[in-house]
Amino acid sequence: MFSLHLSDRMLLKSLLKEVALEVLEEIQNNDSSTSEKLDTSFTTIEDKFLTREDVSQMLNVSMQTLNNWQKKQILIPLKIGKRVLYKPEDVEKALQKQESNSKNPII
């Protein structure tokens, strides 16, 4: 029997929402006589999580520093398929810790 891990389910759900959004936009564009606009306020996985590049820029650190922090369990990312993503609240905590330890950086 085939089973999906939680992270795979989240990715699948996000991809399905993206496809649904594209279909709704196509319907909206093709049916200009419809007076009601379809609700297309879907969120994608990128709306809920940050990429490595985002985090690197936000914290002003290199990708290698992010790797080191992961090994030291300072900032642990989520792996969804081949994607490495971070929870915004985890990044905020790391940022606050980095600012409070400016004399003694966490790296």
PDB file of N, CA and C in Angstrom:
ATOM      1  N   MET A   1       0.840  -1.189   0.000  1.00  0.00           N
ATOM      2  CA  MET A   1       0.000   0.000   0.000  1.00  0.00           C
ATOM      3  C   MET A   1       0.875   1.238   0.000  1.00  0.00           C
ATOM      4  N   PHE A   2       0.459   2.245  -0.702  1.00  0.00           N
ATOM      5  CA  PHE A   2       1.204   3.495  -0.846  1.00  0.00           C
ATOM      6  C   PHE A   2       0.818   4.467   0.261  1.00  0.00           C
ATOM      7  N   SER A   3       1.815   5.032   0.928  1.00  0.00           N
ATOM      8  CA  SER A   3       1.521   6.032   1.961  1.00  0.00           C
ATOM      9  C   SER A   3       2.427   7.240   1.768  1.00  0.00           C
ATOM     10  N   LEU A   4       1.911   8.390   2.123  1.00  0.00           N
ATOM     11  CA  LEU A   4       2.653   9.641   2.002  1.00  0.00           C
ATOM     12  C   LEU A   4       3.059  10.139   3.382  1.00  0.00           C
ATOM     13  N   HIS A   5       4.265  10.676   3.463  1.00  0.00           N
ATOM     14  CA  HIS A   5       4.690  11.335   4.689  1.00  0.00           C
ATOM     15  C   HIS A   5       3.965  12.670   4.794  1.00  0.00           C
ATOM     16  N   LEU A   6       3.916  13.229   5.982  1.00  0.00           N
ATOM     17  CA  LEU A   6       3.222  14.494   6.204  1.00  0.00           C
ATOM     18  C   LEU A   6       3.766  15.586   5.291  1.00  0.00           C
ATOM     19  N   SER A   7       5.086  15.672   5.154  1.00  0.00           N
ATOM     20  CA  SER A   7       5.665  16.718   4.307  1.00  0.00           C
ATOM     21  C   SER A   7       5.276  16.524   2.848  1.00  0.00           C
ATOM     22  N   ASP A   8       5.195  15.262   2.394  1.00  0.00           N
ATOM     23  CA  ASP A   8       4.773  14.996   1.025  1.00  0.00           C
ATOM     24  C   ASP A   8       3.311  15.369   0.820  1.00  0.00           C
ATOM     25  N   ARG A   9       2.483  15.133   1.841  1.00  0.00           N
ATOM     26  CA  ARG A   9       1.068  15.512   1.763  1.00  0.00           C
ATOM     27  C   ARG A   9       0.925  17.020   1.657  1.00  0.00           C
ATOM     28  N   MET A  10       1.734  17.747   2.435  1.00  0.00           N
ATOM     29  CA  MET A  10       1.669  19.212   2.388  1.00  0.00           C
ATOM     30  C   MET A  10       2.060  19.717   1.006  1.00  0.00           C
ATOM     31  N   LEU A  11       3.101  19.135   0.427  1.00  0.00           N
ATOM     32  CA  LEU A  11       3.535  19.538  -0.904  1.00  0.00           C
ATOM     33  C   LEU A  11       2.458  19.212  -1.935  1.00  0.00           C
ATOM     34  N   LEU A  12       1.890  18.017  -1.850  1.00  0.00           N
ATOM     35  CA  LEU A  12       0.833  17.622  -2.780  1.00  0.00           C
ATOM     36  C   LEU A  12      -0.365  18.558  -2.671  1.00  0.00           C
ATOM     37  N   LYS A  13      -0.743  18.887  -1.440  1.00  0.00           N
ATOM     38  CA  LYS A  13      -1.864  19.798  -1.226  1.00  0.00           C
ATOM     39  C   LYS A  13      -1.567  21.160  -1.850  1.00  0.00           C
ATOM     40  N   SER A  14      -0.344  21.645  -1.659  1.00  0.00           N
ATOM     41  CA  SER A  14       0.037  22.933  -2.222  1.00  0.00           C
ATOM     42  C   SER A  14      -0.005  22.903  -3.747  1.00  0.00           C
ATOM     43  N   LEU A  15       0.514  21.823  -4.333  1.00  0.00           N
ATOM     44  CA  LEU A  15       0.514  21.705  -5.788  1.00  0.00           C
ATOM     45  C   LEU A  15      -0.904  21.633  -6.338  1.00  0.00           C
ATOM     46  N   LEU A  16      -1.777  20.909  -5.652  1.00  0.00           N
ATOM     47  CA  LEU A  16      -3.173  20.825  -6.086  1.00  0.00           C
ATOM     48  C   LEU A  16      -3.854  22.188  -6.028  1.00  0.00           C
ATOM     49  N   LYS A  17      -3.551  22.964  -4.981  1.00  0.00           N
ATOM     50  CA  LYS A  17      -4.120  24.303  -4.886  1.00  0.00           C
ATOM     51  C   LYS A  17      -3.630  25.185  -6.028  1.00  0.00           C
ATOM     52  N   GLU A  18      -2.344  25.056  -6.375  1.00  0.00           N
ATOM     53  CA  GLU A  18      -1.802  25.845  -7.471  1.00  0.00           C
ATOM     54  C   GLU A  18      -2.484  25.500  -8.792  1.00  0.00           C
ATOM     55  N   VAL A  19      -2.700  24.213  -9.031  1.00  0.00           N
ATOM     56  CA  VAL A  19      -3.385  23.777 -10.248  1.00  0.00           C
ATOM     57  C   VAL A  19      -4.817  24.290 -10.259  1.00  0.00           C
ATOM     58  N   ALA A  20      -5.495  24.180  -9.120  1.00  0.00           N
ATOM     59  CA  ALA A  20      -6.873  24.662  -9.034  1.00  0.00           C
ATOM     60  C   ALA A  20      -6.935  26.164  -9.313  1.00  0.00           C
ATOM     61  N   LEU A  21      -5.973  26.906  -8.779  1.00  0.00           N
ATOM     62  CA  LEU A  21      -5.920  28.346  -9.004  1.00  0.00           C
ATOM     63  C   LEU A  21      -5.760  28.653 -10.492  1.00  0.00           C
ATOM     64  N   GLU A  22      -4.870  27.925 -11.150  1.00  0.00           N
ATOM     65  CA  GLU A  22      -4.664  28.130 -12.584  1.00  0.00           C
ATOM     66  C   GLU A  22      -5.946  27.839 -13.372  1.00  0.00           C
ATOM     67  N   VAL A  23      -6.644  26.772 -13.021  1.00  0.00           N
ATOM     68  CA  VAL A  23      -7.889  26.418 -13.702  1.00  0.00           C
ATOM     69  C   VAL A  23      -8.940  27.505 -13.479  1.00  0.00           C
ATOM     70  N   LEU A  24      -9.072  27.978 -12.241  1.00  0.00           N
ATOM     71  CA  LEU A  24     -10.045  29.034 -11.955  1.00  0.00           C
ATOM     72  C   LEU A  24      -9.719  30.321 -12.707  1.00  0.00           C
ATOM     73  N   GLU A  25      -8.444  30.668 -12.793  1.00  0.00           N
ATOM     74  CA  GLU A  25      -8.054  31.870 -13.536  1.00  0.00           C
ATOM     75  C   GLU A  25      -8.363  31.713 -15.014  1.00  0.00           C
ATOM     76  N   GLU A  26      -8.136  30.515 -15.545  1.00  0.00           N
ATOM     77  CA  GLU A  26      -8.441  30.263 -16.954  1.00  0.00           C
ATOM     78  C   GLU A  26      -9.939  30.370 -17.212  1.00  0.00           C
ATOM     79  N   ILE A  27     -10.730  29.833 -16.310  1.00  0.00           N
ATOM     80  CA  ILE A  27     -12.186  29.925 -16.442  1.00  0.00           C
ATOM     81  C   ILE A  27     -12.622  31.386 -16.392  1.00  0.00           C
ATOM     82  N   GLN A  28     -12.025  32.124 -15.458  1.00  0.00           N
ATOM     83  CA  GLN A  28     -12.367  33.537 -15.312  1.00  0.00           C
ATOM     84  C   GLN A  28     -12.021  34.319 -16.578  1.00  0.00           C
ATOM     85  N   ASN A  29     -10.866  34.049 -17.155  1.00  0.00           N
ATOM     86  CA  ASN A  29     -10.428  34.760 -18.358  1.00  0.00           C
ATOM     87  C   ASN A  29     -11.280  34.403 -19.567  1.00  0.00           C
ATOM     88  N   ASN A  30     -11.729  33.153 -19.663  1.00  0.00           N
ATOM     89  CA  ASN A  30     -12.513  32.707 -20.817  1.00  0.00           C
ATOM     90  C   ASN A  30     -13.980  33.077 -20.717  1.00  0.00           C
ATOM     91  N   ASP A  31     -14.484  33.312 -19.527  1.00  0.00           N
ATOM     92  CA  ASP A  31     -15.903  33.597 -19.334  1.00  0.00           C
ATOM     93  C   ASP A  31     -16.070  35.022 -18.822  1.00  0.00           C
ATOM     94  N   SER A  32     -15.871  35.983 -19.711  1.00  0.00           N
ATOM     95  CA  SER A  32     -15.959  37.391 -19.304  1.00  0.00           C
ATOM     96  C   SER A  32     -17.396  37.838 -19.056  1.00  0.00           C
ATOM     97  N   SER A  33     -18.389  37.030 -19.486  1.00  0.00           N
ATOM     98  CA  SER A  33     -19.782  37.407 -19.263  1.00  0.00           C
ATOM     99  C   SER A  33     -20.234  37.140 -17.834  1.00  0.00           C
ATOM    100  N   THR A  34     -19.448  36.387 -17.093  1.00  0.00           N
ATOM    101  CA  THR A  34     -19.818  36.090 -15.710  1.00  0.00           C
ATOM    102  C   THR A  34     -19.659  37.346 -14.876  1.00  0.00           C
ATOM    103  N   SER A  35     -20.718  37.710 -14.174  1.00  0.00           N
ATOM    104  CA  SER A  35     -20.659  38.933 -13.377  1.00  0.00           C
ATOM    105  C   SER A  35     -19.957  38.705 -12.052  1.00  0.00           C
ATOM    106  N   GLU A  36     -20.011  37.467 -11.563  1.00  0.00           N
ATOM    107  CA  GLU A  36     -19.353  37.182 -10.293  1.00  0.00           C
ATOM    108  C   GLU A  36     -17.922  36.751 -10.551  1.00  0.00           C
ATOM    109  N   LYS A  37     -17.043  37.288  -9.755  1.00  0.00           N
ATOM    110  CA  LYS A  37     -15.642  36.889  -9.832  1.00  0.00           C
ATOM    111  C   LYS A  37     -15.433  35.675  -8.942  1.00  0.00           C
ATOM    112  N   LEU A  38     -14.637  34.737  -9.416  1.00  0.00           N
ATOM    113  CA  LEU A  38     -14.346  33.552  -8.627  1.00  0.00           C
ATOM    114  C   LEU A  38     -13.311  33.884  -7.565  1.00  0.00           C
ATOM    115  N   ASP A  39     -13.446  33.278  -6.393  1.00  0.00           N
ATOM    116  CA  ASP A  39     -12.481  33.491  -5.316  1.00  0.00           C
ATOM    117  C   ASP A  39     -11.214  32.714  -5.626  1.00  0.00           C
ATOM    118  N   THR A  40     -10.115  33.428  -5.801  1.00  0.00           N
ATOM    119  CA  THR A  40      -8.837  32.787  -6.109  1.00  0.00           C
ATOM    120  C   THR A  40      -7.822  33.097  -5.025  1.00  0.00           C
ATOM    121  N   SER A  41      -8.280  33.170  -3.804  1.00  0.00           N
ATOM    122  CA  SER A  41      -7.388  33.535  -2.701  1.00  0.00           C
ATOM    123  C   SER A  41      -6.747  32.303  -2.067  1.00  0.00           C
ATOM    124  N   PHE A  42      -6.154  31.463  -2.896  1.00  0.00           N
ATOM    125  CA  PHE A  42      -5.451  30.300  -2.396  1.00  0.00           C
ATOM    126  C   PHE A  42      -4.072  30.713  -1.905  1.00  0.00           C
ATOM    127  N   THR A  43      -3.549  29.980  -0.961  1.00  0.00           N
ATOM    128  CA  THR A  43      -2.173  30.209  -0.539  1.00  0.00           C
ATOM    129  C   THR A  43      -1.325  29.041  -0.998  1.00  0.00           C
ATOM    130  N   THR A  44      -0.095  29.325  -1.332  1.00  0.00           N
ATOM    131  CA  THR A  44       0.825  28.272  -1.736  1.00  0.00           C
ATOM    132  C   THR A  44       1.787  27.992  -0.595  1.00  0.00           C
ATOM    133  N   ILE A  45       2.556  26.956  -0.757  1.00  0.00           N
ATOM    134  CA  ILE A  45       3.503  26.582   0.293  1.00  0.00           C
ATOM    135  C   ILE A  45       4.540  27.684   0.513  1.00  0.00           C
ATOM    136  N   GLU A  46       4.856  28.429  -0.550  1.00  0.00           N
ATOM    137  CA  GLU A  46       5.805  29.530  -0.417  1.00  0.00           C
ATOM    138  C   GLU A  46       5.243  30.670   0.428  1.00  0.00           C
ATOM    139  N   ASP A  47       3.918  30.761   0.518  1.00  0.00           N
ATOM    140  CA  ASP A  47       3.303  31.796   1.343  1.00  0.00           C
ATOM    141  C   ASP A  47       3.440  31.482   2.828  1.00  0.00           C
ATOM    142  N   LYS A  48       3.638  30.222   3.162  1.00  0.00           N
ATOM    143  CA  LYS A  48       3.700  29.805   4.550  1.00  0.00           C
ATOM    144  C   LYS A  48       5.122  29.558   5.038  1.00  0.00           C
ATOM    145  N   PHE A  49       6.056  29.343   4.113  1.00  0.00           N
ATOM    146  CA  PHE A  49       7.420  29.008   4.479  1.00  0.00           C
ATOM    147  C   PHE A  49       8.409  29.890   3.726  1.00  0.00           C
ATOM    148  N   LEU A  50       9.639  29.917   4.200  1.00  0.00           N
ATOM    149  CA  LEU A  50      10.696  30.709   3.585  1.00  0.00           C
ATOM    150  C   LEU A  50      11.732  29.785   2.947  1.00  0.00           C
ATOM    151  N   THR A  51      12.281  30.199   1.824  1.00  0.00           N
ATOM    152  CA  THR A  51      13.321  29.425   1.167  1.00  0.00           C
ATOM    153  C   THR A  51      14.671  29.706   1.821  1.00  0.00           C
ATOM    154  N   ARG A  52      15.667  28.899   1.468  1.00  0.00           N
ATOM    155  CA  ARG A  52      17.021  29.122   1.988  1.00  0.00           C
ATOM    156  C   ARG A  52      17.528  30.505   1.575  1.00  0.00           C
ATOM    157  N   GLU A  53      17.221  30.900   0.354  1.00  0.00           N
ATOM    158  CA  GLU A  53      17.663  32.199  -0.136  1.00  0.00           C
ATOM    159  C   GLU A  53      17.024  33.328   0.671  1.00  0.00           C
ATOM    160  N   ASP A  54      15.731  33.190   0.950  1.00  0.00           N
ATOM    161  CA  ASP A  54      15.028  34.195   1.753  1.00  0.00           C
ATOM    162  C   ASP A  54      15.681  34.340   3.129  1.00  0.00           C
ATOM    163  N   VAL A  55      15.927  33.193   3.769  1.00  0.00           N
ATOM    164  CA  VAL A  55      16.488  33.196   5.116  1.00  0.00           C
ATOM    165  C   VAL A  55      17.903  33.758   5.106  1.00  0.00           C
ATOM    166  N   SER A  56      18.679  33.372   4.120  1.00  0.00           N
ATOM    167  CA  SER A  56      20.046  33.867   4.003  1.00  0.00           C
ATOM    168  C   SER A  56      20.073  35.395   3.909  1.00  0.00           C
ATOM    169  N   GLN A  57      19.168  35.946   3.114  1.00  0.00           N
ATOM    170  CA  GLN A  57      19.095  37.405   2.960  1.00  0.00           C
ATOM    171  C   GLN A  57      18.560  38.073   4.226  1.00  0.00           C
ATOM    172  N   MET A  58      17.538  37.479   4.833  1.00  0.00           N
ATOM    173  CA  MET A  58      16.937  38.071   6.034  1.00  0.00           C
ATOM    174  C   MET A  58      17.932  38.154   7.180  1.00  0.00           C
ATOM    175  N   LEU A  59      18.715  37.081   7.355  1.00  0.00           N
ATOM    176  CA  LEU A  59      19.644  37.013   8.477  1.00  0.00           C
ATOM    177  C   LEU A  59      21.042  37.502   8.106  1.00  0.00           C
ATOM    178  N   ASN A  60      21.218  37.821   6.821  1.00  0.00           N
ATOM    179  CA  ASN A  60      22.504  38.303   6.328  1.00  0.00           C
ATOM    180  C   ASN A  60      23.625  37.300   6.632  1.00  0.00           C
ATOM    181  N   VAL A  61      23.350  36.035   6.291  1.00  0.00           N
ATOM    182  CA  VAL A  61      24.331  34.968   6.474  1.00  0.00           C
ATOM    183  C   VAL A  61      24.439  34.176   5.176  1.00  0.00           C
ATOM    184  N   SER A  62      25.513  33.400   5.074  1.00  0.00           N
ATOM    185  CA  SER A  62      25.726  32.588   3.873  1.00  0.00           C
ATOM    186  C   SER A  62      24.937  31.292   3.952  1.00  0.00           C
ATOM    187  N   MET A  63      24.871  30.610   2.824  1.00  0.00           N
ATOM    188  CA  MET A  63      24.221  29.300   2.780  1.00  0.00           C
ATOM    189  C   MET A  63      24.984  28.316   3.671  1.00  0.00           C
ATOM    190  N   GLN A  64      26.301  28.443   3.693  1.00  0.00           N
ATOM    191  CA  GLN A  64      27.102  27.558   4.536  1.00  0.00           C
ATOM    192  C   GLN A  64      26.772  27.761   6.014  1.00  0.00           C
ATOM    193  N   THR A  65      26.517  28.997   6.404  1.00  0.00           N
ATOM    194  CA  THR A  65      26.119  29.259   7.787  1.00  0.00           C
ATOM    195  C   THR A  65      24.795  28.579   8.093  1.00  0.00           C
ATOM    196  N   LEU A  66      23.862  28.622   7.154  1.00  0.00           N
ATOM    197  CA  LEU A  66      22.589  27.922   7.353  1.00  0.00           C
ATOM    198  C   LEU A  66      22.827  26.419   7.514  1.00  0.00           C
ATOM    199  N   ASN A  67      23.737  25.872   6.725  1.00  0.00           N
ATOM    200  CA  ASN A  67      24.079  24.448   6.863  1.00  0.00           C
ATOM    201  C   ASN A  67      24.669  24.170   8.243  1.00  0.00           C
ATOM    202  N   ASN A  68      25.570  25.046   8.696  1.00  0.00           N
ATOM    203  CA  ASN A  68      26.182  24.880  10.024  1.00  0.00           C
ATOM    204  C   ASN A  68      25.127  24.961  11.118  1.00  0.00           C
ATOM    205  N   TRP A  69      24.205  25.905  10.994  1.00  0.00           N
ATOM    206  CA  TRP A  69      23.150  26.059  11.990  1.00  0.00           C
ATOM    207  C   TRP A  69      22.251  24.822  12.020  1.00  0.00           C
ATOM    208  N   GLN A  70      22.034  24.242  10.843  1.00  0.00           N
ATOM    209  CA  GLN A  70      21.223  23.022  10.798  1.00  0.00           C
ATOM    210  C   GLN A  70      21.942  21.901  11.550  1.00  0.00           C
ATOM    211  N   LYS A  71      23.254  21.748  11.317  1.00  0.00           N
ATOM    212  CA  LYS A  71      24.032  20.705  11.995  1.00  0.00           C
ATOM    213  C   LYS A  71      24.053  20.923  13.502  1.00  0.00           C
ATOM    214  N   LYS A  72      24.114  22.195  13.924  1.00  0.00           N
ATOM    215  CA  LYS A  72      24.136  22.525  15.352  1.00  0.00           C
ATOM    216  C   LYS A  72      22.727  22.623  15.938  1.00  0.00           C
ATOM    217  N   GLN A  73      21.728  22.394  15.108  1.00  0.00           N
ATOM    218  CA  GLN A  73      20.312  22.467  15.484  1.00  0.00           C
ATOM    219  C   GLN A  73      19.918  23.839  16.024  1.00  0.00           C
ATOM    220  N   ILE A  74      20.500  24.864  15.447  1.00  0.00           N
ATOM    221  CA  ILE A  74      20.141  26.237  15.791  1.00  0.00           C
ATOM    222  C   ILE A  74      18.919  26.675  14.983  1.00  0.00           C
ATOM    223  N   LEU A  75      18.922  26.323  13.716  1.00  0.00           N
ATOM    224  CA  LEU A  75      17.809  26.640  12.821  1.00  0.00           C
ATOM    225  C   LEU A  75      17.608  25.439  11.914  1.00  0.00           C
ATOM    226  N   ILE A  76      16.545  24.696  12.172  1.00  0.00           N
ATOM    227  CA  ILE A  76      16.320  23.432  11.466  1.00  0.00           C
ATOM    228  C   ILE A  76      15.245  23.619  10.398  1.00  0.00           C
ATOM    229  N   PRO A  77      15.598  23.352   9.150  1.00  0.00           N
ATOM    230  CA  PRO A  77      14.615  23.506   8.071  1.00  0.00           C
ATOM    231  C   PRO A  77      13.726  22.283   7.941  1.00  0.00           C
ATOM    232  N   LEU A  78      12.671  22.458   7.157  1.00  0.00           N
ATOM    233  CA  LEU A  78      11.808  21.348   6.756  1.00  0.00           C
ATOM    234  C   LEU A  78      12.255  20.928   5.365  1.00  0.00           C
ATOM    235  N   LYS A  79      12.272  19.653   5.109  1.00  0.00           N
ATOM    236  CA  LYS A  79      12.589  19.181   3.769  1.00  0.00           C
ATOM    237  C   LYS A  79      11.319  18.620   3.159  1.00  0.00           C
ATOM    238  N   ILE A  80      10.897  19.223   2.068  1.00  0.00           N
ATOM    239  CA  ILE A  80       9.699  18.801   1.357  1.00  0.00           C
ATOM    240  C   ILE A  80      10.141  18.445  -0.054  1.00  0.00           C
ATOM    241  N   GLY A  81      10.250  17.149  -0.298  1.00  0.00           N
ATOM    242  CA  GLY A  81      10.819  16.696  -1.559  1.00  0.00           C
ATOM    243  C   GLY A  81      12.266  17.139  -1.611  1.00  0.00           C
ATOM    244  N   LYS A  82      12.631  17.862  -2.640  1.00  0.00           N
ATOM    245  CA  LYS A  82      13.987  18.396  -2.752  1.00  0.00           C
ATOM    246  C   LYS A  82      14.086  19.809  -2.199  1.00  0.00           C
ATOM    247  N   ARG A  83      12.972  20.344  -1.759  1.00  0.00           N
ATOM    248  CA  ARG A  83      12.948  21.718  -1.269  1.00  0.00           C
ATOM    249  C   ARG A  83      13.349  21.781   0.196  1.00  0.00           C
ATOM    250  N   VAL A  84      14.084  22.818   0.537  1.00  0.00           N
ATOM    251  CA  VAL A  84      14.467  23.082   1.919  1.00  0.00           C
ATOM    252  C   VAL A  84      13.792  24.393   2.302  1.00  0.00           C
ATOM    253  N   LEU A  85      12.878  24.323   3.267  1.00  0.00           N
ATOM    254  CA  LEU A  85      12.090  25.485   3.654  1.00  0.00           C
ATOM    255  C   LEU A  85      12.152  25.682   5.159  1.00  0.00           C
ATOM    256  N   TYR A  86      11.901  26.919   5.577  1.00  0.00           N
ATOM    257  CA  TYR A  86      11.951  27.274   6.990  1.00  0.00           C
ATOM    258  C   TYR A  86      10.621  27.865   7.425  1.00  0.00           C
ATOM    259  N   LYS A  87      10.245  27.572   8.674  1.00  0.00           N
ATOM    260  CA  LYS A  87       9.070  28.206   9.252  1.00  0.00           C
ATOM    261  C   LYS A  87       9.450  29.646   9.606  1.00  0.00           C
ATOM    262  N   PRO A  88       8.626  30.623   9.254  1.00  0.00           N
ATOM    263  CA  PRO A  88       8.941  32.014   9.576  1.00  0.00           C
ATOM    264  C   PRO A  88       9.179  32.246  11.067  1.00  0.00           C
ATOM    265  N   GLU A  89       8.413  31.574  11.935  1.00  0.00           N
ATOM    266  CA  GLU A  89       8.586  31.783  13.371  1.00  0.00           C
ATOM    267  C   GLU A  89       9.943  31.260  13.859  1.00  0.00           C
ATOM    268  N   ASP A  90      10.458  30.186  13.234  1.00  0.00           N
ATOM    269  CA  ASP A  90      11.779  29.679  13.601  1.00  0.00           C
ATOM    270  C   ASP A  90      12.866  30.662  13.180  1.00  0.00           C
ATOM    271  N   VAL A  91      12.677  31.257  12.006  1.00  0.00           N
ATOM    272  CA  VAL A  91      13.652  32.235  11.521  1.00  0.00           C
ATOM    273  C   VAL A  91      13.640  33.473  12.412  1.00  0.00           C
ATOM    274  N   GLU A  92      12.457  33.897  12.823  1.00  0.00           N
ATOM    275  CA  GLU A  92      12.331  35.058  13.709  1.00  0.00           C
ATOM    276  C   GLU A  92      13.070  34.811  15.019  1.00  0.00           C
ATOM    277  N   LYS A  93      12.923  33.614  15.572  1.00  0.00           N
ATOM    278  CA  LYS A  93      13.623  33.274  16.820  1.00  0.00           C
ATOM    279  C   LYS A  93      15.137  33.322  16.617  1.00  0.00           C
ATOM    280  N   ALA A  94      15.603  32.788  15.501  1.00  0.00           N
ATOM    281  CA  ALA A  94      17.044  32.803  15.212  1.00  0.00           C
ATOM    282  C   ALA A  94      17.543  34.229  15.033  1.00  0.00           C
ATOM    283  N   LEU A  95      16.735  35.062  14.389  1.00  0.00           N
ATOM    284  CA  LEU A  95      17.095  36.465  14.191  1.00  0.00           C
ATOM    285  C   LEU A  95      17.199  37.184  15.533  1.00  0.00           C
ATOM    286  N   GLN A  96      16.235  36.959  16.409  1.00  0.00           N
ATOM    287  CA  GLN A  96      16.272  37.579  17.734  1.00  0.00           C
ATOM    288  C   GLN A  96      17.481  37.094  18.525  1.00  0.00           C
ATOM    289  N   LYS A  97      17.771  35.818  18.404  1.00  0.00           N
ATOM    290  CA  LYS A  97      18.919  35.265  19.119  1.00  0.00           C
ATOM    291  C   LYS A  97      20.220  35.852  18.571  1.00  0.00           C
ATOM    292  N   GLN A  98      20.288  35.991  17.248  1.00  0.00           N
ATOM    293  CA  GLN A  98      21.477  36.556  16.623  1.00  0.00           C
ATOM    294  C   GLN A  98      21.671  38.008  17.068  1.00  0.00           C
ATOM    295  N   GLU A  99      20.583  38.773  17.136  1.00  0.00           N
ATOM    296  CA  GLU A  99      20.671  40.173  17.563  1.00  0.00           C
ATOM    297  C   GLU A  99      21.054  40.287  19.037  1.00  0.00           C
ATOM    298  N   SER A 100      20.522  39.400  19.865  1.00  0.00           N
ATOM    299  CA  SER A 100      20.828  39.467  21.294  1.00  0.00           C
ATOM    300  C   SER A 100      22.250  38.992  21.596  1.00  0.00           C
ATOM    301  N   ASN A 101      22.794  38.180  20.701  1.00  0.00           N
ATOM    302  CA  ASN A 101      24.161  37.682  20.888  1.00  0.00           C
ATOM    303  C   ASN A 101      25.119  38.349  19.911  1.00  0.00           C
ATOM    304  N   SER A 102      24.914  39.611  19.625  1.00  0.00           N
ATOM    305  CA  SER A 102      25.731  40.282  18.628  1.00  0.00           C
ATOM    306  C   SER A 102      27.223  40.273  18.994  1.00  0.00           C
ATOM    307  N   LYS A 103      27.518  40.265  20.285  1.00  0.00           N
ATOM    308  CA  LYS A 103      28.919  40.178  20.695  1.00  0.00           C
ATOM    309  C   LYS A 103      29.425  38.749  20.598  1.00  0.00           C
ATOM    310  N   ASN A 104      28.531  37.795  20.777  1.00  0.00           N
ATOM    311  CA  ASN A 104      28.875  36.380  20.673  1.00  0.00           C
ATOM    312  C   ASN A 104      27.944  35.735  19.672  1.00  0.00           C
ATOM    313  N   PRO A 105      28.247  35.834  18.364  1.00  0.00           N
ATOM    314  CA  PRO A 105      27.357  35.289  17.347  1.00  0.00           C
ATOM    315  C   PRO A 105      27.137  33.790  17.524  1.00  0.00           C
ATOM    316  N   ILE A 106      26.004  33.313  17.022  1.00  0.00           N
ATOM    317  CA  ILE A 106      25.634  31.922  17.204  1.00  0.00           C
ATOM    318  C   ILE A 106      26.329  30.998  16.214  1.00  0.00           C
ATOM    319  N   ILE A 107      27.139  31.540  15.331  1.00  0.00           N
ATOM    320  CA  ILE A 107      27.838  30.687  14.370  1.00  0.00           C
ATOM    321  C   ILE A 107      29.118  30.158  14.894  1.00  0.00           C
TER     322      ILE A 107
END
